[in-house]
C-alpha atoms as a PDB file:
ATOM      1  CA  UNK A   1       3.855  22.339 -11.861  1.00  0.00           C
ATOM      2  CA  UNK A   2       7.352  23.801 -11.660  1.00  0.00           C
ATOM      3  CA  UNK A   3       7.629  26.019 -14.745  1.00  0.00           C
ATOM      4  CA  UNK A   4      11.374  25.692 -14.923  1.00  0.00           C
ATOM      5  CA  UNK A   5      11.144  21.929 -15.121  1.00  0.00           C
ATOM      6  CA  UNK A   6       8.584  22.213 -17.957  1.00  0.00           C
ATOM      7  CA  UNK A   7      10.919  24.570 -19.865  1.00  0.00           C
ATOM      8  CA  UNK A   8      13.854  22.224 -19.335  1.00  0.00           C
ATOM      9  CA  UNK A   9      11.683  19.350 -20.595  1.00  0.00           C
ATOM     10  CA  UNK A  10      10.800  21.319 -23.697  1.00  0.00           C
ATOM     11  CA  UNK A  11      14.497  22.050 -24.327  1.00  0.00           C
ATOM     12  CA  UNK A  12      15.330  18.351 -24.066  1.00  0.00           C
ATOM     13  CA  UNK A  13      12.741  17.546 -26.688  1.00  0.00           C
ATOM     14  CA  UNK A  14      13.147  20.464 -29.062  1.00  0.00           C
ATOM     15  CA  UNK A  15      16.755  21.616 -29.151  1.00  0.00           C
ATOM     16  CA  UNK A  16      19.476  20.253 -31.382  1.00  0.00           C
ATOM     17  CA  UNK A  17      21.611  17.414 -30.194  1.00  0.00           C
ATOM     18  CA  UNK A  18      24.521  19.888 -30.145  1.00  0.00           C
ATOM     19  CA  UNK A  19      22.737  22.554 -28.046  1.00  0.00           C
ATOM     20  CA  UNK A  20      23.433  23.290 -24.427  1.00  0.00           C
ATOM     21  CA  UNK A  21      20.550  22.363 -22.102  1.00  0.00           C
ATOM     22  CA  UNK A  22      19.950  24.286 -18.913  1.00  0.00           C
ATOM     23  CA  UNK A  23      19.205  21.086 -17.055  1.00  0.00           C
ATOM     24  CA  UNK A  24      22.711  19.813 -17.877  1.00  0.00           C
ATOM     25  CA  UNK A  25      24.579  23.024 -16.952  1.00  0.00           C
ATOM     26  CA  UNK A  26      27.899  22.616 -15.161  1.00  0.00           C
ATOM     27  CA  UNK A  27      26.481  25.014 -12.633  1.00  0.00           C
ATOM     28  CA  UNK A  28      27.730  27.909 -10.596  1.00  0.00           C
ATOM     29  CA  UNK A  29      30.824  28.369  -8.446  1.00  0.00           C
ATOM     30  CA  UNK A  30      28.515  28.964  -5.476  1.00  0.00           C
ATOM     31  CA  UNK A  31      25.496  26.591  -5.610  1.00  0.00           C
ATOM     32  CA  UNK A  32      22.113  28.308  -5.300  1.00  0.00           C
ATOM     33  CA  UNK A  33      18.488  27.072  -4.996  1.00  0.00           C
ATOM     34  CA  UNK A  34      16.871  26.849  -8.449  1.00  0.00           C
ATOM     35  CA  UNK A  35      14.208  29.313  -9.505  1.00  0.00           C
ATOM     36  CA  UNK A  36      10.719  27.772 -10.065  1.00  0.00           C
ATOM     37  CA  UNK A  37      10.096  30.031 -13.107  1.00  0.00           C
ATOM     38  CA  UNK A  38      13.359  30.447 -14.909  1.00  0.00           C
ATOM     39  CA  UNK A  39      16.195  28.174 -16.086  1.00  0.00           C
ATOM     40  CA  UNK A  40      19.754  28.968 -14.960  1.00  0.00           C
ATOM     41  CA  UNK A  41      20.559  30.663 -18.298  1.00  0.00           C
ATOM     42  CA  UNK A  42      17.426  32.835 -18.077  1.00  0.00           C
ATOM     43  CA  UNK A  43      18.522  33.918 -14.595  1.00  0.00           C
ATOM     44  CA  UNK A  44      22.003  34.756 -15.876  1.00  0.00           C
ATOM     45  CA  UNK A  45      20.524  36.902 -18.633  1.00  0.00           C
ATOM     46  CA  UNK A  46      18.344  38.746 -16.122  1.00  0.00           C
ATOM     47  CA  UNK A  47      21.215  39.297 -13.703  1.00  0.00           C
ATOM     48  CA  UNK A  48      23.315  40.859 -16.444  1.00  0.00           C
ATOM     49  CA  UNK A  49      20.499  43.192 -17.568  1.00  0.00           C
ATOM     50  CA  UNK A  50      19.102  44.122 -14.160  1.00  0.00           C
ATOM     51  CA  UNK A  51      22.012  43.922 -11.747  1.00  0.00           C
ATOM     52  CA  UNK A  52      25.153  44.681 -13.695  1.00  0.00           C
ATOM     53  CA  UNK A  53      26.070  48.390 -13.464  1.00  0.00           C
ATOM     54  CA  UNK A  54      28.728  47.696 -16.071  1.00  0.00           C
ATOM     55  CA  UNK A  55      25.918  46.860 -18.515  1.00  0.00           C
ATOM     56  CA  UNK A  56      24.342  50.270 -18.111  1.00  0.00           C
ATOM     57  CA  UNK A  57      27.684  52.048 -18.477  1.00  0.00           C
ATOM     58  CA  UNK A  58      28.087  50.605 -21.969  1.00  0.00           C
ATOM     59  CA  UNK A  59      25.729  53.293 -23.192  1.00  0.00           C
ATOM     60  CA  UNK A  60      28.476  55.848 -22.511  1.00  0.00           C
ATOM     61  CA  UNK A  61      31.436  53.903 -23.920  1.00  0.00           C
ATOM     62  CA  UNK A  62      32.887  54.414 -27.430  1.00  0.00           C
ATOM     63  CA  UNK A  63      32.398  51.719 -30.058  1.00  0.00           C
ATOM     64  CA  UNK A  64      34.555  53.363 -32.756  1.00  0.00           C
ATOM     65  CA  UNK A  65      33.825  57.124 -32.953  1.00  0.00           C
ATOM     66  CA  UNK A  66      34.700  59.112 -29.833  1.00  0.00           C
ATOM     67  CA  UNK A  67      32.090  61.485 -28.400  1.00  0.00           C
ATOM     68  CA  UNK A  68      30.258  62.020 -31.692  1.00  0.00           C
ATOM     69  CA  UNK A  69      28.102  65.125 -31.954  1.00  0.00           C
ATOM     70  CA  UNK A  70      25.430  63.174 -33.834  1.00  0.00           C
ATOM     71  CA  UNK A  71      23.158  60.747 -31.977  1.00  0.00           C
ATOM     72  CA  UNK A  72      23.143  57.932 -34.515  1.00  0.00           C
ATOM     73  CA  UNK A  73      26.600  56.462 -34.046  1.00  0.00           C
ATOM     74  CA  UNK A  74      26.918  53.163 -32.210  1.00  0.00           C
ATOM     75  CA  UNK A  75      27.960  52.974 -28.591  1.00  0.00           C
ATOM     76  CA  UNK A  76      29.231  49.832 -26.906  1.00  0.00           C
ATOM     77  CA  UNK A  77      25.692  49.193 -25.625  1.00  0.00           C
ATOM     78  CA  UNK A  78      24.018  49.442 -29.068  1.00  0.00           C
ATOM     79  CA  UNK A  79      26.733  47.122 -30.383  1.00  0.00           C
ATOM     80  CA  UNK A  80      25.957  44.638 -27.626  1.00  0.00           C
ATOM     81  CA  UNK A  81      22.225  44.711 -28.530  1.00  0.00           C
ATOM     82  CA  UNK A  82      22.956  44.134 -32.222  1.00  0.00           C
ATOM     83  CA  UNK A  83      25.168  41.194 -31.354  1.00  0.00           C
ATOM     84  CA  UNK A  84      22.441  39.705 -29.190  1.00  0.00           C
ATOM     85  CA  UNK A  85      19.864  40.063 -31.947  1.00  0.00           C
ATOM     86  CA  UNK A  86      22.044  38.399 -34.579  1.00  0.00           C
ATOM     87  CA  UNK A  87      23.077  35.649 -32.178  1.00  0.00           C
ATOM     88  CA  UNK A  88      19.495  34.874 -31.225  1.00  0.00           C
ATOM     89  CA  UNK A  89      18.484  34.684 -34.898  1.00  0.00           C
ATOM     90  CA  UNK A  90      21.250  32.185 -35.579  1.00  0.00           C
ATOM     91  CA  UNK A  91      20.601  30.215 -32.429  1.00  0.00           C
ATOM     92  CA  UNK A  92      16.915  29.873 -33.208  1.00  0.00           C
ATOM     93  CA  UNK A  93      17.577  28.796 -36.799  1.00  0.00           C
ATOM     94  CA  UNK A  94      19.996  26.112 -35.545  1.00  0.00           C
ATOM     95  CA  UNK A  95      17.681  24.991 -32.636  1.00  0.00           C
ATOM     96  CA  UNK A  96      20.284  26.044 -30.083  1.00  0.00           C
ATOM     97  CA  UNK A  97      19.669  27.442 -26.600  1.00  0.00           C
ATOM     98  CA  UNK A  98      18.578  31.045 -27.143  1.00  0.00           C
ATOM     99  CA  UNK A  99      18.662  32.003 -23.496  1.00  0.00           C
ATOM    100  CA  UNK A 100      22.293  30.966 -23.074  1.00  0.00           C
ATOM    101  CA  UNK A 101      23.178  32.664 -26.375  1.00  0.00           C
ATOM    102  CA  UNK A 102      21.552  35.918 -25.268  1.00  0.00           C
ATOM    103  CA  UNK A 103      23.180  35.905 -21.848  1.00  0.00           C
ATOM    104  CA  UNK A 104      26.657  35.497 -23.370  1.00  0.00           C
ATOM    105  CA  UNK A 105      26.005  38.216 -25.952  1.00  0.00           C
ATOM    106  CA  UNK A 106      24.728  40.739 -23.356  1.00  0.00           C
ATOM    107  CA  UNK A 107      27.789  40.183 -21.130  1.00  0.00           C
ATOM    108  CA  UNK A 108      30.517  39.761 -23.721  1.00  0.00           C
ATOM    109  CA  UNK A 109      31.759  43.408 -23.622  1.00  0.00           C
ATOM    110  CA  UNK A 110      31.177  44.342 -20.032  1.00  0.00           C
ATOM    111  CA  UNK A 111      34.897  44.683 -19.380  1.00  0.00           C
ATOM    112  CA  UNK A 112      35.688  47.106 -22.237  1.00  0.00           C
ATOM    113  CA  UNK A 113      37.741  50.181 -21.353  1.00  0.00           C
ATOM    114  CA  UNK A 114      36.509  53.683 -22.153  1.00  0.00           C
ATOM    115  CA  UNK A 115      37.361  55.171 -25.566  1.00  0.00           C
ATOM    116  CA  UNK A 116      37.189  51.974 -27.627  1.00  0.00           C
ATOM    117  CA  UNK A 117      40.350  50.514 -29.290  1.00  0.00           C
ATOM    118  CA  UNK A 118      42.564  53.399 -28.216  1.00  0.00           C
ATOM    119  CA  UNK A 119      41.373  53.152 -24.619  1.00  0.00           C
ATOM    120  CA  UNK A 120      42.065  49.469 -24.428  1.00  0.00           C
ATOM    121  CA  UNK A 121      45.550  49.958 -25.870  1.00  0.00           C
ATOM    122  CA  UNK A 122      46.209  52.829 -23.494  1.00  0.00           C
ATOM    123  CA  UNK A 123      45.091  50.852 -20.444  1.00  0.00           C
ATOM    124  CA  UNK A 124      47.145  47.837 -21.504  1.00  0.00           C
ATOM    125  CA  UNK A 125      50.241  49.978 -22.047  1.00  0.00           C
ATOM    126  CA  UNK A 126      49.862  51.581 -18.620  1.00  0.00           C
ATOM    127  CA  UNK A 127      49.163  48.295 -16.839  1.00  0.00           C
ATOM    128  CA  UNK A 128      52.154  46.641 -18.509  1.00  0.00           C
ATOM    129  CA  UNK A 129      54.431  49.163 -16.910  1.00  0.00           C
ATOM    130  CA  UNK A 130      53.310  47.717 -13.568  1.00  0.00           C
ATOM    131  CA  UNK A 131      53.557  44.066 -14.510  1.00  0.00           C
ATOM    132  CA  UNK A 132      50.007  43.437 -15.771  1.00  0.00           C
ATOM    133  CA  UNK A 133      48.129  43.025 -19.002  1.00  0.00           C
ATOM    134  CA  UNK A 134      44.699  44.254 -20.022  1.00  0.00           C
ATOM    135  CA  UNK A 135      42.360  42.668 -22.501  1.00  0.00           C
ATOM    136  CA  UNK A 136      38.588  43.185 -22.415  1.00  0.00           C
ATOM    137  CA  UNK A 137      37.597  39.533 -22.639  1.00  0.00           C
ATOM    138  CA  UNK A 138      39.291  38.264 -19.435  1.00  0.00           C
ATOM    139  CA  UNK A 139      38.370  41.556 -17.781  1.00  0.00           C
ATOM    140  CA  UNK A 140      34.710  41.045 -18.725  1.00  0.00           C
ATOM    141  CA  UNK A 141      34.881  37.720 -16.890  1.00  0.00           C
ATOM    142  CA  UNK A 142      36.485  39.470 -13.880  1.00  0.00           C
ATOM    143  CA  UNK A 143      33.642  41.992 -13.893  1.00  0.00           C
ATOM    144  CA  UNK A 144      30.952  39.351 -13.583  1.00  0.00           C
ATOM    145  CA  UNK A 145      32.953  37.124 -11.258  1.00  0.00           C
ATOM    146  CA  UNK A 146      34.422  39.645  -8.818  1.00  0.00           C
ATOM    147  CA  UNK A 147      33.588  43.296  -9.423  1.00  0.00           C
ATOM    148  CA  UNK A 148      29.793  43.426  -9.785  1.00  0.00           C
ATOM    149  CA  UNK A 149      27.420  43.193  -6.796  1.00  0.00           C
ATOM    150  CA  UNK A 150      29.751  44.997  -4.437  1.00  0.00           C
ATOM    151  CA  UNK A 151      32.642  42.577  -5.004  1.00  0.00           C
ATOM    152  CA  UNK A 152      30.576  39.409  -4.706  1.00  0.00           C
ATOM    153  CA  UNK A 153      30.051  38.947  -8.403  1.00  0.00           C
ATOM    154  CA  UNK A 154      26.976  37.676 -10.244  1.00  0.00           C
ATOM    155  CA  UNK A 155      27.774  33.965  -9.763  1.00  0.00           C
ATOM    156  CA  UNK A 156      26.888  33.110 -13.358  1.00  0.00           C
ATOM    157  CA  UNK A 157      26.914  29.619 -14.803  1.00  0.00           C
ATOM    158  CA  UNK A 158      30.039  28.000 -16.221  1.00  0.00           C
ATOM    159  CA  UNK A 159      28.651  28.133 -19.788  1.00  0.00           C
ATOM    160  CA  UNK A 160      27.950  31.901 -19.736  1.00  0.00           C
ATOM    161  CA  UNK A 161      31.343  32.579 -18.086  1.00  0.00           C
ATOM    162  CA  UNK A 162      33.159  30.484 -20.727  1.00  0.00           C
ATOM    163  CA  UNK A 163      31.285  32.284 -23.512  1.00  0.00           C
ATOM    164  CA  UNK A 164      32.316  35.656 -22.201  1.00  0.00           C
ATOM    165  CA  UNK A 165      35.970  34.705 -22.066  1.00  0.00           C
ATOM    166  CA  UNK A 166      36.032  33.017 -25.470  1.00  0.00           C
ATOM    167  CA  UNK A 167      33.917  35.484 -27.477  1.00  0.00           C
ATOM    168  CA  UNK A 168      36.615  37.510 -29.150  1.00  0.00           C
ATOM    169  CA  UNK A 169      38.623  36.906 -32.267  1.00  0.00           C
ATOM    170  CA  UNK A 170      40.297  40.308 -32.432  1.00  0.00           C
ATOM    171  CA  UNK A 171      41.954  40.779 -35.820  1.00  0.00           C
ATOM    172  CA  UNK A 172      42.440  37.092 -36.487  1.00  0.00           C
ATOM    173  CA  UNK A 173      40.791  35.531 -39.556  1.00  0.00           C
ATOM    174  CA  UNK A 174      37.577  33.511 -39.222  1.00  0.00           C
ATOM    175  CA  UNK A 175      39.394  30.177 -39.221  1.00  0.00           C
ATOM    176  CA  UNK A 176      41.874  31.042 -36.495  1.00  0.00           C
ATOM    177  CA  UNK A 177      41.530  30.654 -32.739  1.00  0.00           C
ATOM    178  CA  UNK A 178      40.338  33.410 -30.425  1.00  0.00           C
ATOM    179  CA  UNK A 179      41.985  35.258 -27.571  1.00  0.00           C
ATOM    180  CA  UNK A 180      41.327  33.428 -24.331  1.00  0.00           C
ATOM    181  CA  UNK A 181      39.825  30.000 -23.885  1.00  0.00           C
ATOM    182  CA  UNK A 182      38.031  27.874 -26.458  1.00  0.00           C
ATOM    183  CA  UNK A 183      34.234  27.975 -26.539  1.00  0.00           C
ATOM    184  CA  UNK A 184      32.769  25.090 -24.555  1.00  0.00           C
ATOM    185  CA  UNK A 185      29.340  25.376 -26.211  1.00  0.00           C
ATOM    186  CA  UNK A 186      28.051  25.861 -29.721  1.00  0.00           C
ATOM    187  CA  UNK A 187      26.148  28.869 -28.316  1.00  0.00           C
ATOM    188  CA  UNK A 188      29.417  30.546 -27.393  1.00  0.00           C
ATOM    189  CA  UNK A 189      30.619  29.977 -30.969  1.00  0.00           C
ATOM    190  CA  UNK A 190      27.461  31.661 -32.200  1.00  0.00           C
ATOM    191  CA  UNK A 191      28.163  34.765 -30.096  1.00  0.00           C
ATOM    192  CA  UNK A 192      31.780  34.847 -31.366  1.00  0.00           C
ATOM    193  CA  UNK A 193      30.643  34.865 -35.021  1.00  0.00           C
ATOM    194  CA  UNK A 194      27.746  37.269 -34.298  1.00  0.00           C
ATOM    195  CA  UNK A 195      30.125  39.750 -32.704  1.00  0.00           C
ATOM    196  CA  UNK A 196      32.201  39.835 -35.855  1.00  0.00           C
ATOM    197  CA  UNK A 197      29.096  40.097 -38.114  1.00  0.00           C
ATOM    198  CA  UNK A 198      27.704  42.945 -36.030  1.00  0.00           C
ATOM    199  CA  UNK A 199      30.781  45.139 -35.733  1.00  0.00           C
ATOM    200  CA  UNK A 200      31.988  44.695 -39.341  1.00  0.00           C
ATOM    201  CA  UNK A 201      28.587  45.879 -40.653  1.00  0.00           C
ATOM    202  CA  UNK A 202      27.719  48.610 -38.159  1.00  0.00           C
ATOM    203  CA  UNK A 203      31.259  49.992 -38.265  1.00  0.00           C
ATOM    204  CA  UNK A 204      30.975  50.325 -42.048  1.00  0.00           C
ATOM    205  CA  UNK A 205      27.677  52.112 -41.527  1.00  0.00           C
ATOM    206  CA  UNK A 206      29.201  54.537 -38.984  1.00  0.00           C
ATOM    207  CA  UNK A 207      32.280  55.126 -41.079  1.00  0.00           C
ATOM    208  CA  UNK A 208      30.153  56.030 -44.072  1.00  0.00           C
ATOM    209  CA  UNK A 209      28.119  58.369 -41.934  1.00  0.00           C
ATOM    210  CA  UNK A 210      31.247  59.987 -40.631  1.00  0.00           C
ATOM    211  CA  UNK A 211      32.678  60.479 -44.107  1.00  0.00           C
ATOM    212  CA  UNK A 212      35.983  58.734 -43.282  1.00  0.00           C
ATOM    213  CA  UNK A 213      35.475  56.208 -46.101  1.00  0.00           C
ATOM    214  CA  UNK A 214      33.231  55.625 -49.128  1.00  0.00           C
ATOM    215  CA  UNK A 215      31.561  52.316 -49.837  1.00  0.00           C
ATOM    216  CA  UNK A 216      33.629  51.880 -52.982  1.00  0.00           C
ATOM    217  CA  UNK A 217      36.818  52.021 -50.828  1.00  0.00           C
ATOM    218  CA  UNK A 218      36.001  48.502 -49.688  1.00  0.00           C
ATOM    219  CA  UNK A 219      37.364  45.609 -51.749  1.00  0.00           C
ATOM    220  CA  UNK A 220      35.086  45.243 -54.806  1.00  0.00           C
ATOM    221  CA  UNK A 221      35.255  41.451 -54.837  1.00  0.00           C
ATOM    222  CA  UNK A 222      34.138  41.367 -51.128  1.00  0.00           C
ATOM    223  CA  UNK A 223      31.157  43.605 -51.879  1.00  0.00           C
ATOM    224  CA  UNK A 224      30.260  41.361 -54.820  1.00  0.00           C
ATOM    225  CA  UNK A 225      29.954  38.483 -52.389  1.00  0.00           C
ATOM    226  CA  UNK A 226      28.438  40.193 -49.360  1.00  0.00           C
ATOM    227  CA  UNK A 227      26.358  42.906 -50.983  1.00  0.00           C
ATOM    228  CA  UNK A 228      26.456  46.664 -51.075  1.00  0.00           C
ATOM    229  CA  UNK A 229      23.657  47.399 -48.586  1.00  0.00           C
ATOM    230  CA  UNK A 230      23.920  47.189 -44.762  1.00  0.00           C
ATOM    231  CA  UNK A 231      21.027  44.723 -44.417  1.00  0.00           C
ATOM    232  CA  UNK A 232      22.079  42.775 -47.455  1.00  0.00           C
ATOM    233  CA  UNK A 233      25.572  42.127 -45.984  1.00  0.00           C
ATOM    234  CA  UNK A 234      24.219  41.002 -42.612  1.00  0.00           C
ATOM    235  CA  UNK A 235      21.626  38.818 -44.369  1.00  0.00           C
ATOM    236  CA  UNK A 236      24.352  37.184 -46.515  1.00  0.00           C
ATOM    237  CA  UNK A 237      26.565  36.421 -43.571  1.00  0.00           C
ATOM    238  CA  UNK A 238      23.841  35.134 -41.293  1.00  0.00           C
ATOM    239  CA  UNK A 239      22.320  32.944 -43.965  1.00  0.00           C
ATOM    240  CA  UNK A 240      25.774  31.536 -44.784  1.00  0.00           C
ATOM    241  CA  UNK A 241      26.512  30.704 -41.157  1.00  0.00           C
ATOM    242  CA  UNK A 242      23.151  28.933 -40.730  1.00  0.00           C
ATOM    243  CA  UNK A 243      23.532  26.999 -44.006  1.00  0.00           C
ATOM    244  CA  UNK A 244      27.086  25.845 -43.077  1.00  0.00           C
ATOM    245  CA  UNK A 245      26.252  25.021 -39.426  1.00  0.00           C
ATOM    246  CA  UNK A 246      22.868  23.303 -39.587  1.00  0.00           C
ATOM    247  CA  UNK A 247      23.190  19.853 -38.146  1.00  0.00           C
ATOM    248  CA  UNK A 248      26.876  20.342 -37.343  1.00  0.00           C
ATOM    249  CA  UNK A 249      28.652  20.352 -33.981  1.00  0.00           C
ATOM    250  CA  UNK A 250      30.461  23.605 -34.734  1.00  0.00           C
ATOM    251  CA  UNK A 251      29.612  27.002 -36.230  1.00  0.00           C
ATOM    252  CA  UNK A 252      31.080  27.491 -39.657  1.00  0.00           C
ATOM    253  CA  UNK A 253      31.128  29.836 -42.650  1.00  0.00           C
ATOM    254  CA  UNK A 254      31.792  29.128 -46.304  1.00  0.00           C
ATOM    255  CA  UNK A 255      35.235  29.917 -47.664  1.00  0.00           C
ATOM    256  CA  UNK A 256      33.845  32.481 -50.097  1.00  0.00           C
ATOM    257  CA  UNK A 257      31.947  34.446 -47.457  1.00  0.00           C
ATOM    258  CA  UNK A 258      34.704  34.094 -44.849  1.00  0.00           C
ATOM    259  CA  UNK A 259      37.323  35.439 -47.185  1.00  0.00           C
ATOM    260  CA  UNK A 260      35.120  38.335 -48.210  1.00  0.00           C
ATOM    261  CA  UNK A 261      34.431  39.128 -44.547  1.00  0.00           C
ATOM    262  CA  UNK A 262      38.136  39.018 -43.703  1.00  0.00           C
ATOM    263  CA  UNK A 263      38.883  41.406 -46.563  1.00  0.00           C
ATOM    264  CA  UNK A 264      36.357  43.880 -45.158  1.00  0.00           C
ATOM    265  CA  UNK A 265      37.827  43.437 -41.664  1.00  0.00           C
ATOM    266  CA  UNK A 266      41.387  44.161 -42.829  1.00  0.00           C
ATOM    267  CA  UNK A 267      40.164  47.319 -44.591  1.00  0.00           C
ATOM    268  CA  UNK A 268      38.463  48.538 -41.451  1.00  0.00           C
ATOM    269  CA  UNK A 269      41.484  47.860 -39.314  1.00  0.00           C
ATOM    270  CA  UNK A 270      43.863  49.652 -41.677  1.00  0.00           C
ATOM    271  CA  UNK A 271      41.643  52.547 -42.710  1.00  0.00           C
ATOM    272  CA  UNK A 272      39.254  53.120 -39.838  1.00  0.00           C
ATOM    273  CA  UNK A 273      40.243  51.514 -36.492  1.00  0.00           C
ATOM    274  CA  UNK A 274      44.031  52.100 -36.664  1.00  0.00           C
ATOM    275  CA  UNK A 275      44.274  54.870 -39.242  1.00  0.00           C
ATOM    276  CA  UNK A 276      45.447  58.423 -38.847  1.00  0.00           C
ATOM    277  CA  UNK A 277      42.148  59.804 -40.090  1.00  0.00           C
ATOM    278  CA  UNK A 278      40.202  62.538 -38.342  1.00  0.00           C
ATOM    279  CA  UNK A 279      38.147  59.844 -36.580  1.00  0.00           C
ATOM    280  CA  UNK A 280      41.311  58.721 -34.808  1.00  0.00           C
ATOM    281  CA  UNK A 281      43.043  62.095 -34.470  1.00  0.00           C
ATOM    282  CA  UNK A 282      42.830  61.812 -30.684  1.00  0.00           C
ATOM    283  CA  UNK A 283      44.209  58.289 -30.481  1.00  0.00           C
ATOM    284  CA  UNK A 284      47.522  59.383 -28.902  1.00  0.00           C
ATOM    285  CA  UNK A 285      45.748  61.725 -26.566  1.00  0.00           C
ATOM    286  CA  UNK A 286      43.393  59.002 -25.395  1.00  0.00           C
ATOM    287  CA  UNK A 287      46.287  56.683 -24.666  1.00  0.00           C
ATOM    288  CA  UNK A 288      48.090  59.473 -22.842  1.00  0.00           C
ATOM    289  CA  UNK A 289      44.950  60.187 -20.829  1.00  0.00           C
ATOM    290  CA  UNK A 290      44.648  56.616 -19.659  1.00  0.00           C
ATOM    291  CA  UNK A 291      48.330  56.498 -18.898  1.00  0.00           C
ATOM    292  CA  UNK A 292      48.177  59.671 -16.830  1.00  0.00           C
ATOM    293  CA  UNK A 293      45.095  58.484 -14.878  1.00  0.00           C
ATOM    294  CA  UNK A 294      46.831  55.137 -14.210  1.00  0.00           C
ATOM    295  CA  UNK A 295      49.929  56.794 -12.714  1.00  0.00           C
ATOM    296  CA  UNK A 296      47.928  59.317 -10.701  1.00  0.00           C
ATOM    297  CA  UNK A 297      45.893  56.545  -9.063  1.00  0.00           C
ATOM    298  CA  UNK A 298      49.011  54.405  -8.484  1.00  0.00           C
ATOM    299  CA  UNK A 299      50.606  57.377  -6.697  1.00  0.00           C
ATOM    300  CA  UNK A 300      47.457  58.121  -4.671  1.00  0.00           C
ATOM    301  CA  UNK A 301      45.502  54.890  -4.255  1.00  0.00           C
ATOM    302  CA  UNK A 302      43.152  56.672  -1.837  1.00  0.00           C
ATOM    303  CA  UNK A 303      41.492  58.048  -4.984  1.00  0.00           C
ATOM    304  CA  UNK A 304      40.131  54.601  -5.734  1.00  0.00           C
ATOM    305  CA  UNK A 305      36.499  54.594  -4.636  1.00  0.00           C
ATOM    306  CA  UNK A 306      35.848  50.921  -3.851  1.00  0.00           C
ATOM    307  CA  UNK A 307      38.746  48.591  -4.625  1.00  0.00           C
ATOM    308  CA  UNK A 308      37.964  44.923  -4.434  1.00  0.00           C
ATOM    309  CA  UNK A 309      38.235  43.806  -0.769  1.00  0.00           C
ATOM    310  CA  UNK A 310      40.602  40.980  -1.646  1.00  0.00           C
ATOM    311  CA  UNK A 311      43.208  43.434  -2.905  1.00  0.00           C
ATOM    312  CA  UNK A 312      45.910  44.808  -0.625  1.00  0.00           C
ATOM    313  CA  UNK A 313      46.674  48.304  -1.872  1.00  0.00           C
ATOM    314  CA  UNK A 314      50.045  48.364  -0.047  1.00  0.00           C
ATOM    315  CA  UNK A 315      51.200  45.713  -2.516  1.00  0.00           C
ATOM    316  CA  UNK A 316      52.159  47.209  -5.937  1.00  0.00           C
ATOM    317  CA  UNK A 317      50.640  44.355  -7.976  1.00  0.00           C
ATOM    318  CA  UNK A 318      47.345  44.523  -6.128  1.00  0.00           C
ATOM    319  CA  UNK A 319      47.316  48.286  -6.386  1.00  0.00           C
ATOM    320  CA  UNK A 320      47.856  48.128 -10.138  1.00  0.00           C
ATOM    321  CA  UNK A 321      45.042  45.521 -10.443  1.00  0.00           C
ATOM    322  CA  UNK A 322      42.721  47.837  -8.522  1.00  0.00           C
ATOM    323  CA  UNK A 323      43.646  50.834 -10.693  1.00  0.00           C
ATOM    324  CA  UNK A 324      43.047  48.803 -13.896  1.00  0.00           C
ATOM    325  CA  UNK A 325      39.668  47.708 -12.508  1.00  0.00           C
ATOM    326  CA  UNK A 326      38.677  51.281 -11.769  1.00  0.00           C
ATOM    327  CA  UNK A 327      39.810  52.761 -15.034  1.00  0.00           C
ATOM    328  CA  UNK A 328      38.293  49.978 -17.162  1.00  0.00           C
ATOM    329  CA  UNK A 329      34.947  50.643 -15.525  1.00  0.00           C
ATOM    330  CA  UNK A 330      34.898  54.334 -16.409  1.00  0.00           C
ATOM    331  CA  UNK A 331      32.640  55.715 -19.089  1.00  0.00           C
ATOM    332  CA  UNK A 332      34.252  58.010 -21.659  1.00  0.00           C
ATOM    333  CA  UNK A 333      32.763  61.069 -19.974  1.00  0.00           C
ATOM    334  CA  UNK A 334      33.831  60.054 -16.436  1.00  0.00           C
ATOM    335  CA  UNK A 335      37.398  59.326 -17.607  1.00  0.00           C
ATOM    336  CA  UNK A 336      37.603  62.778 -19.237  1.00  0.00           C
ATOM    337  CA  UNK A 337      36.069  64.544 -16.232  1.00  0.00           C
ATOM    338  CA  UNK A 338      38.469  62.764 -13.887  1.00  0.00           C
ATOM    339  CA  UNK A 339      41.442  63.812 -16.023  1.00  0.00           C
ATOM    340  CA  UNK A 340      40.284  67.451 -16.044  1.00  0.00           C
ATOM    341  CA  UNK A 341      39.780  67.349 -12.315  1.00  0.00           C
ATOM    342  CA  UNK A 342      43.214  65.919 -11.596  1.00  0.00           C
ATOM    343  CA  UNK A 343      45.353  67.744 -14.125  1.00  0.00           C
ATOM    344  CA  UNK A 344      43.766  71.033 -15.103  1.00  0.00           C
ATOM    345  CA  UNK A 345      43.466  74.048 -12.767  1.00  0.00           C
ATOM    346  CA  UNK A 346      40.004  74.896 -11.568  1.00  0.00           C
ATOM    347  CA  UNK A 347      38.405  78.233 -12.290  1.00  0.00           C
ATOM    348  CA  UNK A 348      38.645  80.507  -9.249  1.00  0.00           C
ATOM    349  CA  UNK A 349      35.302  81.459  -7.765  1.00  0.00           C
ATOM    350  CA  UNK A 350      35.278  84.661  -5.781  1.00  0.00           C
ATOM    351  CA  UNK A 351      32.906  85.492  -2.970  1.00  0.00           C
END
């Protein structure tokens, strides 16, 4: 018996009426023969984990704290894994498609620039000077569609691609729309809320470890609702999402928990992400580094290792697109090493 067909039959019988079913996927841009063992969403998850070089580079990209000396701060990869775990828990509780949910979660940040928030701002500032814009959500989609697999892309399903593009809410409140397109599946909504749950809580944990804030700096009424412990806050938020979303066609959160979560988010933006604390002392330097690298590669496009073959580097817009692609793909370390190589004199080595 075809194992994939058995799994699809089990999905049809077991999953919620609101869940996405692999057998009903809107498919891929380039049709492919089906796998006899795995559904299309299982294959997407495996391609992201096993084929995407951008997934491996997340281990060397900043989440919040740049190049920490201690090993226990989150990276973009550990954030991604925490999002995937929370998302799968919610998806299972709601009888949604866990494979689709996990695939979206694993790919949602593949397009992030080096150096976290400051790096994304710096790359956007530099790209704007050449007529473009940079945001990690649409760039994550570009990564899986065009940049991975030597420019061929991973040819993921529509549902995973939509979830990648629509995952982010940025600084907006829980009730407001996200950057990019609207989620086409409930599973994409799960990843969107799980992303917020994960980063709010692990960024508190990292900020406390770094000494840039104390727990009592957070709004007291928000802590009264969410809890004072790391696991307690995650537990409160996840249970609330499940309770409000069970049997519903959309993912929701109670007003009380949503308002408490938004209060925590605003504190983190004002006092951690965008503050002038020691944790962000290099913010201006990071933006300057990305700007300098952008201009250097625009001036000498031959430095670009493998621009996408569809881009014509003699055309300014295509050249800027290729530079943005290259810089966004850099790890923190590679961006810094490239800057040092281009702008600082080398030590002279005698015979």
